[in-house]
């Protein structure tokens, strides 16, 4: 393009350059993230979180509950051994006796549990007890736990069968977790 003379500037002609039209930079040279891209990324993260977080919480509760059934079954077997040796069942006070929380607690030495000859290998999340039913004809083993950390106690039960069968398991609050 040839320069355009636009008049005089202090005794000489002024030349101005033509102004090129405004052009957007190509997408590869732009910097930053646009609002639409940011909103799409946030939406994807929200969808993934809506699926992953409930699944994670469910797996966490299952892992905490995994302690309970083997312990109830083990106490039930100890009760059956006691019943065969002594002709009756043995009641046992809640152990650990400290209030139920989500924390791990030590199993305490108590005479009824020592007589039953049952002791867990490590620390416990739940408190276990054995209750006589029908005037001592049956026994029920209870586990009181705070499985989901909401400070409300969940009760899982195992009624021990005297016939040597596996017995029955019952969850009193299955809808809670």
N, C-alpha and C. Protein backbone atom coordinates (compact mmCIF):
# COMPACT_ATOMS: atom_id res chain seq x y z
N UNK A 1 0.84 -1.18 0.00
CA UNK A 1 0.00 0.00 0.00
C UNK A 1 0.88 1.24 0.00
N UNK A 2 0.42 2.17 -0.73
CA UNK A 2 1.17 3.42 -0.81
C UNK A 2 0.72 4.34 0.31
N UNK A 3 1.68 5.14 0.84
CA UNK A 3 1.30 6.06 1.91
C UNK A 3 0.35 7.13 1.39
N UNK A 4 -0.49 7.57 2.27
CA UNK A 4 -1.50 8.57 1.93
C UNK A 4 -1.06 9.90 2.52
N UNK A 5 -1.11 10.97 1.70
CA UNK A 5 -0.76 12.30 2.19
C UNK A 5 -2.02 12.89 2.78
N UNK A 6 -1.91 13.33 3.99
CA UNK A 6 -3.11 13.84 4.64
C UNK A 6 -3.01 15.31 4.98
N UNK A 7 -2.06 15.99 4.51
CA UNK A 7 -1.93 17.41 4.82
C UNK A 7 -0.51 17.75 5.18
N UNK A 8 -0.34 18.88 5.76
CA UNK A 8 1.01 19.29 6.11
C UNK A 8 1.19 19.25 7.61
N UNK A 9 2.35 18.87 8.01
CA UNK A 9 2.70 18.82 9.42
C UNK A 9 3.94 19.67 9.58
N UNK A 10 3.79 20.88 10.07
CA UNK A 10 4.90 21.78 10.32
C UNK A 10 5.82 21.89 9.09
N UNK A 11 5.29 22.42 8.03
CA UNK A 11 5.98 22.72 6.78
C UNK A 11 6.37 21.50 5.96
N UNK A 12 5.96 20.38 6.22
CA UNK A 12 6.21 19.24 5.34
C UNK A 12 4.95 18.37 5.31
N UNK A 13 4.77 17.55 4.30
CA UNK A 13 3.56 16.74 4.23
C UNK A 13 3.57 15.63 5.28
N UNK A 14 2.41 15.31 5.84
CA UNK A 14 2.27 14.21 6.82
C UNK A 14 1.80 12.96 6.12
N UNK A 15 2.47 11.91 6.38
CA UNK A 15 2.09 10.63 5.79
C UNK A 15 1.50 9.76 6.91
N UNK A 16 0.39 9.21 6.64
CA UNK A 16 -0.20 8.28 7.61
C UNK A 16 -0.29 6.91 6.97
N UNK A 17 -0.14 5.94 7.78
CA UNK A 17 -0.26 4.57 7.28
C UNK A 17 -1.71 4.14 7.37
N UNK A 18 -2.15 3.38 6.39
CA UNK A 18 -3.51 2.88 6.49
C UNK A 18 -3.60 1.88 7.65
N UNK A 19 -4.70 1.89 8.35
CA UNK A 19 -4.92 1.00 9.49
C UNK A 19 -5.47 -0.32 8.98
N UNK A 20 -4.78 -1.42 9.28
CA UNK A 20 -5.29 -2.71 8.81
C UNK A 20 -6.56 -3.09 9.61
N UNK A 21 -7.44 -3.89 9.01
CA UNK A 21 -8.65 -4.30 9.74
C UNK A 21 -8.27 -5.18 10.93
N UNK A 22 -9.08 -5.13 12.01
CA UNK A 22 -8.83 -5.94 13.20
C UNK A 22 -9.09 -7.41 12.89
N UNK A 23 -8.15 -8.24 13.29
CA UNK A 23 -8.30 -9.68 13.10
C UNK A 23 -8.12 -10.37 14.44
N UNK A 24 -8.88 -11.47 14.62
CA UNK A 24 -8.71 -12.28 15.84
C UNK A 24 -7.50 -13.17 15.66
N UNK A 25 -6.83 -13.40 16.72
CA UNK A 25 -5.68 -14.30 16.68
C UNK A 25 -6.19 -15.72 16.47
N UNK A 26 -5.41 -16.56 15.79
CA UNK A 26 -5.83 -17.95 15.61
C UNK A 26 -5.97 -18.64 16.97
N UNK A 27 -6.85 -19.66 17.06
CA UNK A 27 -7.10 -20.32 18.36
C UNK A 27 -5.86 -20.86 19.03
N UNK A 28 -4.87 -21.28 18.28
CA UNK A 28 -3.69 -21.86 18.90
C UNK A 28 -2.84 -20.82 19.62
N UNK A 29 -2.99 -19.56 19.24
CA UNK A 29 -2.15 -18.56 19.88
C UNK A 29 -2.87 -17.80 21.00
N UNK A 30 -4.18 -18.08 21.20
CA UNK A 30 -4.90 -17.41 22.29
C UNK A 30 -4.42 -17.95 23.62
N UNK A 31 -4.48 -17.14 24.65
CA UNK A 31 -4.08 -17.56 25.98
C UNK A 31 -5.29 -17.66 26.88
N UNK A 32 -5.21 -18.58 27.89
CA UNK A 32 -6.26 -18.68 28.88
C UNK A 32 -7.36 -19.66 28.46
N UNK A 33 -8.32 -19.81 29.36
CA UNK A 33 -9.43 -20.72 29.15
C UNK A 33 -10.69 -19.89 29.09
N UNK A 34 -11.52 -20.22 28.14
CA UNK A 34 -12.78 -19.50 28.02
C UNK A 34 -13.80 -19.95 29.04
N UNK A 35 -14.83 -19.18 29.19
CA UNK A 35 -15.87 -19.48 30.16
C UNK A 35 -16.59 -20.78 29.83
N UNK A 36 -16.83 -21.04 28.57
CA UNK A 36 -17.53 -22.26 28.17
C UNK A 36 -16.69 -23.49 28.51
N UNK A 37 -15.39 -23.44 28.21
CA UNK A 37 -14.52 -24.56 28.54
C UNK A 37 -14.48 -24.81 30.04
N UNK A 38 -14.41 -23.74 30.81
CA UNK A 38 -14.39 -23.86 32.27
C UNK A 38 -15.69 -24.48 32.79
N UNK A 39 -16.81 -24.06 32.25
CA UNK A 39 -18.10 -24.61 32.69
C UNK A 39 -18.23 -26.09 32.31
N UNK A 40 -17.73 -26.49 31.15
CA UNK A 40 -17.75 -27.90 30.76
C UNK A 40 -16.89 -28.72 31.71
N UNK A 41 -15.72 -28.22 32.05
CA UNK A 41 -14.84 -28.95 32.97
C UNK A 41 -15.49 -29.10 34.35
N UNK A 42 -16.12 -28.05 34.84
CA UNK A 42 -16.79 -28.12 36.15
C UNK A 42 -17.95 -29.11 36.09
N UNK A 43 -18.70 -29.11 34.99
CA UNK A 43 -19.82 -30.04 34.85
C UNK A 43 -19.33 -31.49 34.83
N UNK A 44 -18.23 -31.75 34.14
CA UNK A 44 -17.68 -33.11 34.11
C UNK A 44 -17.22 -33.55 35.49
N UNK A 45 -16.57 -32.66 36.20
CA UNK A 45 -16.13 -32.99 37.56
C UNK A 45 -17.33 -33.27 38.46
N UNK A 46 -18.39 -32.50 38.33
CA UNK A 46 -19.59 -32.71 39.14
C UNK A 46 -20.24 -34.06 38.83
N UNK A 47 -20.30 -34.44 37.56
CA UNK A 47 -20.88 -35.74 37.20
C UNK A 47 -20.03 -36.88 37.77
N UNK A 48 -18.73 -36.78 37.63
CA UNK A 48 -17.85 -37.82 38.16
C UNK A 48 -17.97 -37.91 39.68
N UNK A 49 -18.02 -36.77 40.35
CA UNK A 49 -18.15 -36.76 41.82
C UNK A 49 -19.49 -37.33 42.26
N UNK A 50 -20.56 -37.06 41.51
CA UNK A 50 -21.88 -37.57 41.90
C UNK A 50 -21.93 -39.09 41.81
N UNK A 51 -21.08 -39.69 41.02
CA UNK A 51 -21.02 -41.15 40.94
C UNK A 51 -20.00 -41.70 41.92
N UNK A 52 -18.85 -41.06 42.03
CA UNK A 52 -17.74 -41.60 42.81
C UNK A 52 -17.93 -41.46 44.32
N UNK A 53 -18.44 -40.35 44.78
CA UNK A 53 -18.54 -40.12 46.23
C UNK A 53 -19.51 -41.11 46.89
N UNK A 54 -20.73 -41.32 46.39
CA UNK A 54 -21.59 -42.33 47.03
C UNK A 54 -20.98 -43.73 46.99
N UNK A 55 -20.30 -44.06 45.91
CA UNK A 55 -19.66 -45.38 45.81
C UNK A 55 -18.56 -45.52 46.85
N UNK A 56 -17.77 -44.47 47.02
CA UNK A 56 -16.71 -44.49 48.02
C UNK A 56 -17.29 -44.65 49.43
N UNK A 57 -18.34 -43.92 49.74
CA UNK A 57 -18.95 -44.01 51.07
C UNK A 57 -19.53 -45.40 51.31
N UNK A 58 -20.13 -45.99 50.27
CA UNK A 58 -20.68 -47.34 50.40
C UNK A 58 -19.56 -48.35 50.66
N UNK A 59 -18.46 -48.25 49.94
CA UNK A 59 -17.34 -49.17 50.17
C UNK A 59 -16.73 -48.98 51.55
N UNK A 60 -16.69 -47.75 52.01
CA UNK A 60 -16.15 -47.48 53.35
C UNK A 60 -17.03 -48.11 54.43
N UNK A 61 -18.35 -47.98 54.28
CA UNK A 61 -19.27 -48.60 55.25
C UNK A 61 -19.16 -50.12 55.21
N UNK A 62 -19.03 -50.69 54.02
CA UNK A 62 -18.88 -52.14 53.92
C UNK A 62 -17.60 -52.61 54.60
N UNK A 63 -16.54 -51.85 54.44
CA UNK A 63 -15.28 -52.21 55.08
C UNK A 63 -15.40 -52.16 56.60
N UNK A 64 -16.08 -51.14 57.11
CA UNK A 64 -16.28 -51.06 58.56
C UNK A 64 -17.16 -52.19 59.06
N UNK A 65 -18.13 -52.56 58.25
CA UNK A 65 -19.06 -53.63 58.64
C UNK A 65 -18.41 -55.01 58.52
N UNK A 66 -17.33 -55.10 57.77
CA UNK A 66 -16.65 -56.37 57.57
C UNK A 66 -16.13 -56.96 58.87
N UNK A 67 -15.89 -56.15 59.88
CA UNK A 67 -15.45 -56.65 61.19
C UNK A 67 -16.56 -57.42 61.89
N UNK A 68 -17.79 -57.00 61.70
CA UNK A 68 -18.88 -57.44 62.56
C UNK A 68 -19.25 -58.91 62.36
N UNK A 69 -19.53 -59.33 61.15
CA UNK A 69 -20.04 -60.69 60.92
C UNK A 69 -19.05 -61.76 61.36
N UNK A 70 -17.76 -61.68 61.02
CA UNK A 70 -16.84 -62.70 61.53
C UNK A 70 -16.74 -62.72 63.06
N UNK A 71 -16.79 -61.54 63.68
CA UNK A 71 -16.74 -61.50 65.16
C UNK A 71 -17.98 -62.15 65.76
N UNK A 72 -19.16 -61.82 65.22
CA UNK A 72 -20.40 -62.43 65.73
C UNK A 72 -20.36 -63.95 65.54
N UNK A 73 -19.89 -64.38 64.39
CA UNK A 73 -19.81 -65.83 64.12
C UNK A 73 -18.82 -66.48 65.09
N UNK A 74 -17.69 -65.83 65.35
CA UNK A 74 -16.68 -66.37 66.26
C UNK A 74 -17.22 -66.46 67.69
N UNK A 75 -17.91 -65.43 68.14
CA UNK A 75 -18.51 -65.47 69.48
C UNK A 75 -19.57 -66.55 69.54
N UNK A 76 -20.35 -66.70 68.45
CA UNK A 76 -21.36 -67.76 68.40
C UNK A 76 -20.74 -69.14 68.53
N UNK A 77 -19.60 -69.36 67.87
CA UNK A 77 -18.91 -70.65 68.00
C UNK A 77 -18.40 -70.88 69.42
N UNK A 78 -17.89 -69.82 70.05
CA UNK A 78 -17.45 -69.94 71.44
C UNK A 78 -18.64 -70.26 72.34
N UNK A 79 -19.79 -69.65 72.06
CA UNK A 79 -21.01 -69.94 72.84
C UNK A 79 -21.43 -71.40 72.66
N UNK A 80 -21.35 -71.90 71.41
CA UNK A 80 -21.72 -73.30 71.18
C UNK A 80 -20.78 -74.25 71.91
N UNK A 81 -19.49 -73.92 71.93
CA UNK A 81 -18.53 -74.74 72.68
C UNK A 81 -18.86 -74.74 74.17
N UNK A 82 -19.19 -73.57 74.71
CA UNK A 82 -19.57 -73.45 76.12
C UNK A 82 -20.83 -74.27 76.40
N UNK A 83 -21.79 -74.18 75.50
CA UNK A 83 -23.05 -74.88 75.69
C UNK A 83 -22.84 -76.40 75.68
N UNK A 84 -21.97 -76.89 74.79
CA UNK A 84 -21.70 -78.34 74.75
C UNK A 84 -20.95 -78.80 76.00
N UNK A 85 -20.05 -77.96 76.50
CA UNK A 85 -19.24 -78.34 77.67
C UNK A 85 -20.00 -78.22 78.98
N UNK A 86 -20.91 -77.22 79.10
CA UNK A 86 -21.54 -76.92 80.38
C UNK A 86 -23.06 -77.12 80.38
N UNK A 87 -23.64 -77.44 79.24
CA UNK A 87 -25.08 -77.70 79.20
C UNK A 87 -25.94 -76.45 79.23
N UNK A 88 -25.40 -75.30 79.01
CA UNK A 88 -26.17 -74.05 79.00
C UNK A 88 -25.39 -72.96 78.28
N UNK A 89 -25.99 -71.81 78.20
CA UNK A 89 -25.37 -70.67 77.52
C UNK A 89 -24.79 -69.71 78.55
N UNK A 90 -23.92 -68.82 78.13
CA UNK A 90 -23.28 -67.85 79.01
C UNK A 90 -23.60 -66.44 78.52
N UNK A 91 -24.12 -65.62 79.42
CA UNK A 91 -24.34 -64.22 79.03
C UNK A 91 -23.03 -63.45 79.26
N UNK A 92 -22.85 -62.40 78.45
CA UNK A 92 -21.62 -61.61 78.56
C UNK A 92 -21.98 -60.14 78.43
N UNK A 93 -21.40 -59.33 79.30
CA UNK A 93 -21.67 -57.89 79.30
C UNK A 93 -21.03 -57.23 78.09
N UNK A 94 -21.51 -56.03 77.71
CA UNK A 94 -20.92 -55.35 76.55
C UNK A 94 -19.42 -55.10 76.74
N UNK A 95 -18.68 -55.40 75.68
CA UNK A 95 -17.24 -55.25 75.73
C UNK A 95 -16.75 -54.86 74.35
N UNK A 96 -16.00 -53.80 74.20
CA UNK A 96 -15.58 -52.81 75.17
C UNK A 96 -16.77 -52.03 75.74
N UNK A 97 -16.65 -51.69 77.00
CA UNK A 97 -17.77 -51.04 77.68
C UNK A 97 -17.82 -49.53 77.46
N UNK A 98 -16.79 -48.95 76.85
CA UNK A 98 -16.80 -47.51 76.58
C UNK A 98 -17.86 -47.20 75.54
N UNK A 99 -18.37 -45.96 75.53
CA UNK A 99 -19.42 -45.62 74.57
C UNK A 99 -19.00 -45.88 73.12
N UNK A 100 -19.97 -46.30 72.33
CA UNK A 100 -19.71 -46.63 70.94
C UNK A 100 -19.38 -45.36 70.16
N UNK A 101 -18.29 -45.43 69.43
CA UNK A 101 -17.89 -44.35 68.54
C UNK A 101 -17.24 -44.99 67.33
N UNK A 102 -16.83 -44.20 66.37
CA UNK A 102 -16.17 -44.75 65.19
C UNK A 102 -14.72 -45.14 65.44
N UNK A 103 -14.20 -44.82 66.62
CA UNK A 103 -12.79 -45.08 66.91
C UNK A 103 -12.56 -46.54 67.29
N UNK A 104 -11.34 -47.00 67.08
CA UNK A 104 -10.96 -48.34 67.49
C UNK A 104 -10.72 -48.36 69.00
N UNK A 105 -11.18 -49.44 69.65
CA UNK A 105 -11.06 -49.53 71.11
C UNK A 105 -10.51 -50.89 71.50
N UNK A 106 -9.87 -50.93 72.65
CA UNK A 106 -9.30 -52.17 73.18
C UNK A 106 -10.39 -53.04 73.80
N UNK A 107 -10.26 -54.35 73.64
CA UNK A 107 -11.14 -55.31 74.29
C UNK A 107 -10.69 -55.43 75.74
N UNK A 108 -11.63 -55.36 76.67
CA UNK A 108 -11.29 -55.34 78.09
C UNK A 108 -11.37 -56.75 78.69
N UNK A 109 -10.54 -57.01 79.67
CA UNK A 109 -10.58 -58.30 80.36
C UNK A 109 -11.75 -58.29 81.34
N UNK A 110 -12.75 -59.11 81.08
CA UNK A 110 -13.93 -59.23 81.95
C UNK A 110 -14.14 -60.70 82.25
N UNK A 111 -14.63 -61.04 83.45
CA UNK A 111 -14.76 -62.45 83.84
C UNK A 111 -15.64 -63.28 82.90
N UNK A 112 -16.76 -62.70 82.44
CA UNK A 112 -17.65 -63.50 81.59
C UNK A 112 -17.02 -63.82 80.24
N UNK A 113 -16.26 -62.89 79.68
CA UNK A 113 -15.59 -63.14 78.40
C UNK A 113 -14.42 -64.10 78.59
N UNK A 114 -13.75 -64.01 79.74
CA UNK A 114 -12.66 -64.95 80.01
C UNK A 114 -13.20 -66.36 80.20
N UNK A 115 -14.36 -66.49 80.85
CA UNK A 115 -14.97 -67.81 81.01
C UNK A 115 -15.38 -68.39 79.66
N UNK A 116 -15.83 -67.53 78.77
CA UNK A 116 -16.21 -67.95 77.42
C UNK A 116 -14.97 -68.32 76.59
N UNK A 117 -13.80 -67.88 77.05
CA UNK A 117 -12.53 -68.13 76.38
C UNK A 117 -12.52 -67.53 74.97
N UNK A 118 -12.99 -66.30 74.89
CA UNK A 118 -13.01 -65.60 73.60
C UNK A 118 -12.35 -64.24 73.76
N UNK A 119 -11.46 -63.94 72.84
CA UNK A 119 -10.78 -62.64 72.83
C UNK A 119 -10.41 -62.32 71.39
N UNK A 120 -10.69 -61.10 70.92
CA UNK A 120 -10.32 -60.75 69.54
C UNK A 120 -8.82 -60.54 69.40
N UNK A 121 -8.37 -60.51 68.16
CA UNK A 121 -6.94 -60.34 67.90
C UNK A 121 -6.46 -58.91 68.08
N UNK A 122 -7.29 -57.93 67.77
CA UNK A 122 -6.85 -56.54 67.84
C UNK A 122 -7.92 -55.63 68.40
N UNK A 123 -7.84 -54.37 68.03
CA UNK A 123 -8.81 -53.38 68.50
C UNK A 123 -10.12 -53.53 67.73
N UNK A 124 -11.20 -53.01 68.34
CA UNK A 124 -12.55 -53.18 67.79
C UNK A 124 -13.24 -51.85 67.54
N UNK A 125 -14.12 -51.81 66.54
CA UNK A 125 -14.99 -50.66 66.30
C UNK A 125 -16.32 -50.82 67.04
N UNK A 126 -16.70 -52.06 67.29
CA UNK A 126 -18.02 -52.36 67.87
C UNK A 126 -17.88 -52.85 69.30
N UNK A 127 -18.99 -52.78 70.00
CA UNK A 127 -19.09 -53.34 71.34
C UNK A 127 -19.96 -54.59 71.24
N UNK A 128 -19.49 -55.70 71.80
CA UNK A 128 -20.16 -56.99 71.67
C UNK A 128 -20.73 -57.43 73.01
N UNK A 129 -21.90 -58.07 72.98
CA UNK A 129 -22.51 -58.61 74.19
C UNK A 129 -23.27 -59.89 73.83
N UNK A 130 -23.53 -60.72 74.84
CA UNK A 130 -24.31 -61.95 74.66
C UNK A 130 -25.45 -61.93 75.66
N UNK A 131 -26.66 -62.17 75.18
CA UNK A 131 -27.87 -62.11 76.01
C UNK A 131 -28.60 -63.45 75.95
N UNK A 132 -29.01 -63.94 77.12
CA UNK A 132 -29.78 -65.19 77.16
C UNK A 132 -31.24 -64.91 76.82
N UNK A 133 -31.85 -65.81 76.05
CA UNK A 133 -33.25 -65.69 75.64
C UNK A 133 -34.02 -66.92 76.08
N UNK A 134 -35.32 -66.76 76.23
CA UNK A 134 -36.21 -67.87 76.59
C UNK A 134 -35.74 -68.61 77.84
N UNK A 135 -35.39 -67.85 78.85
CA UNK A 135 -34.98 -68.46 80.12
C UNK A 135 -33.67 -69.24 80.02
N UNK A 136 -32.80 -68.83 79.15
CA UNK A 136 -31.52 -69.49 79.02
C UNK A 136 -31.50 -70.60 77.98
N UNK A 137 -32.57 -70.75 77.21
CA UNK A 137 -32.62 -71.79 76.19
C UNK A 137 -31.87 -71.42 74.92
N UNK A 138 -31.75 -70.13 74.66
CA UNK A 138 -31.05 -69.63 73.46
C UNK A 138 -30.17 -68.46 73.87
N UNK A 139 -29.27 -68.09 72.98
CA UNK A 139 -28.42 -66.93 73.22
C UNK A 139 -28.39 -66.07 71.95
N UNK A 140 -28.31 -64.77 72.18
CA UNK A 140 -28.21 -63.81 71.08
C UNK A 140 -26.97 -62.97 71.32
N UNK A 141 -26.15 -62.83 70.28
CA UNK A 141 -24.94 -62.01 70.36
C UNK A 141 -25.22 -60.73 69.59
N UNK A 142 -24.99 -59.58 70.24
CA UNK A 142 -25.24 -58.28 69.63
C UNK A 142 -23.92 -57.54 69.41
N UNK A 143 -23.90 -56.79 68.31
CA UNK A 143 -22.79 -55.88 68.03
C UNK A 143 -23.38 -54.48 67.91
N UNK A 144 -22.92 -53.57 68.74
CA UNK A 144 -23.36 -52.17 68.69
C UNK A 144 -22.23 -51.35 68.08
N UNK A 145 -22.52 -50.69 66.96
CA UNK A 145 -21.46 -50.00 66.20
C UNK A 145 -21.96 -48.65 65.70
N UNK A 146 -21.01 -47.77 65.49
CA UNK A 146 -21.26 -46.54 64.73
C UNK A 146 -20.53 -46.73 63.41
N UNK A 147 -21.20 -47.35 62.44
CA UNK A 147 -20.55 -47.74 61.20
C UNK A 147 -20.35 -46.59 60.23
N UNK A 148 -21.22 -45.58 60.30
CA UNK A 148 -21.13 -44.50 59.31
C UNK A 148 -20.71 -43.17 59.90
N UNK A 149 -20.28 -43.15 61.15
CA UNK A 149 -19.73 -41.94 61.75
C UNK A 149 -20.75 -40.87 62.09
N UNK A 150 -22.04 -41.23 62.17
CA UNK A 150 -23.07 -40.24 62.48
C UNK A 150 -23.45 -40.22 63.96
N UNK A 151 -22.70 -40.94 64.79
CA UNK A 151 -22.88 -41.02 66.24
C UNK A 151 -24.22 -41.65 66.62
N UNK A 152 -24.81 -42.42 65.71
CA UNK A 152 -26.00 -43.21 66.02
C UNK A 152 -25.61 -44.68 65.96
N UNK A 153 -26.08 -45.43 66.92
CA UNK A 153 -25.67 -46.82 67.06
C UNK A 153 -26.46 -47.72 66.11
N UNK A 154 -25.74 -48.56 65.39
CA UNK A 154 -26.35 -49.61 64.58
C UNK A 154 -26.21 -50.92 65.35
N UNK A 155 -27.24 -51.76 65.28
CA UNK A 155 -27.22 -53.03 66.00
C UNK A 155 -27.28 -54.17 65.00
N UNK A 156 -26.31 -55.06 65.07
CA UNK A 156 -26.31 -56.28 64.27
C UNK A 156 -26.38 -57.46 65.23
N UNK A 157 -27.22 -58.44 64.90
CA UNK A 157 -27.46 -59.55 65.82
C UNK A 157 -27.17 -60.89 65.18
N UNK A 158 -26.78 -61.81 66.04
CA UNK A 158 -26.57 -63.19 65.63
C UNK A 158 -27.22 -64.07 66.68
N UNK A 159 -28.27 -64.78 66.27
CA UNK A 159 -28.90 -65.74 67.19
C UNK A 159 -28.25 -67.08 66.97
N UNK A 160 -27.65 -67.60 68.01
CA UNK A 160 -26.87 -68.83 67.93
C UNK A 160 -27.82 -70.01 68.02
N UNK A 161 -27.65 -70.95 67.11
CA UNK A 161 -28.48 -72.16 67.10
C UNK A 161 -27.83 -73.22 67.96
N UNK A 162 -28.62 -73.91 68.74
CA UNK A 162 -28.07 -74.94 69.64
C UNK A 162 -27.79 -76.23 68.89
N UNK A 163 -28.32 -76.36 67.69
CA UNK A 163 -28.16 -77.60 66.94
C UNK A 163 -26.83 -77.69 66.21
N UNK A 164 -26.00 -76.70 66.33
CA UNK A 164 -24.73 -76.69 65.61
C UNK A 164 -24.84 -76.03 64.25
N UNK A 165 -26.03 -75.55 63.90
CA UNK A 165 -26.21 -74.85 62.63
C UNK A 165 -25.58 -73.46 62.72
N UNK A 166 -25.56 -72.79 61.60
CA UNK A 166 -24.87 -71.49 61.54
C UNK A 166 -25.56 -70.40 62.34
N UNK A 167 -26.85 -70.50 62.57
CA UNK A 167 -27.57 -69.45 63.28
C UNK A 167 -28.04 -68.39 62.29
N UNK A 168 -28.68 -67.35 62.81
CA UNK A 168 -29.22 -66.31 61.94
C UNK A 168 -28.57 -64.97 62.25
N UNK A 169 -28.39 -64.17 61.21
CA UNK A 169 -27.86 -62.82 61.34
C UNK A 169 -28.97 -61.84 61.01
N UNK A 170 -29.00 -60.74 61.76
CA UNK A 170 -30.04 -59.73 61.54
C UNK A 170 -29.43 -58.35 61.71
N UNK A 171 -29.75 -57.48 60.78
CA UNK A 171 -29.33 -56.08 60.85
C UNK A 171 -30.57 -55.28 61.20
N UNK A 172 -30.58 -54.64 62.38
CA UNK A 172 -31.78 -53.94 62.83
C UNK A 172 -32.02 -52.61 62.13
N UNK A 173 -30.99 -52.04 61.52
CA UNK A 173 -31.15 -50.75 60.84
C UNK A 173 -30.52 -50.80 59.45
N UNK A 174 -30.98 -51.68 58.54
CA UNK A 174 -30.32 -51.78 57.23
C UNK A 174 -30.51 -50.54 56.36
N UNK A 175 -31.56 -49.77 56.59
CA UNK A 175 -31.81 -48.60 55.76
C UNK A 175 -30.91 -47.42 56.12
N UNK A 176 -30.24 -47.47 57.24
CA UNK A 176 -29.42 -46.35 57.68
C UNK A 176 -28.12 -46.21 56.92
N UNK A 177 -27.60 -47.28 56.42
CA UNK A 177 -26.29 -47.21 55.77
C UNK A 177 -26.23 -48.11 54.57
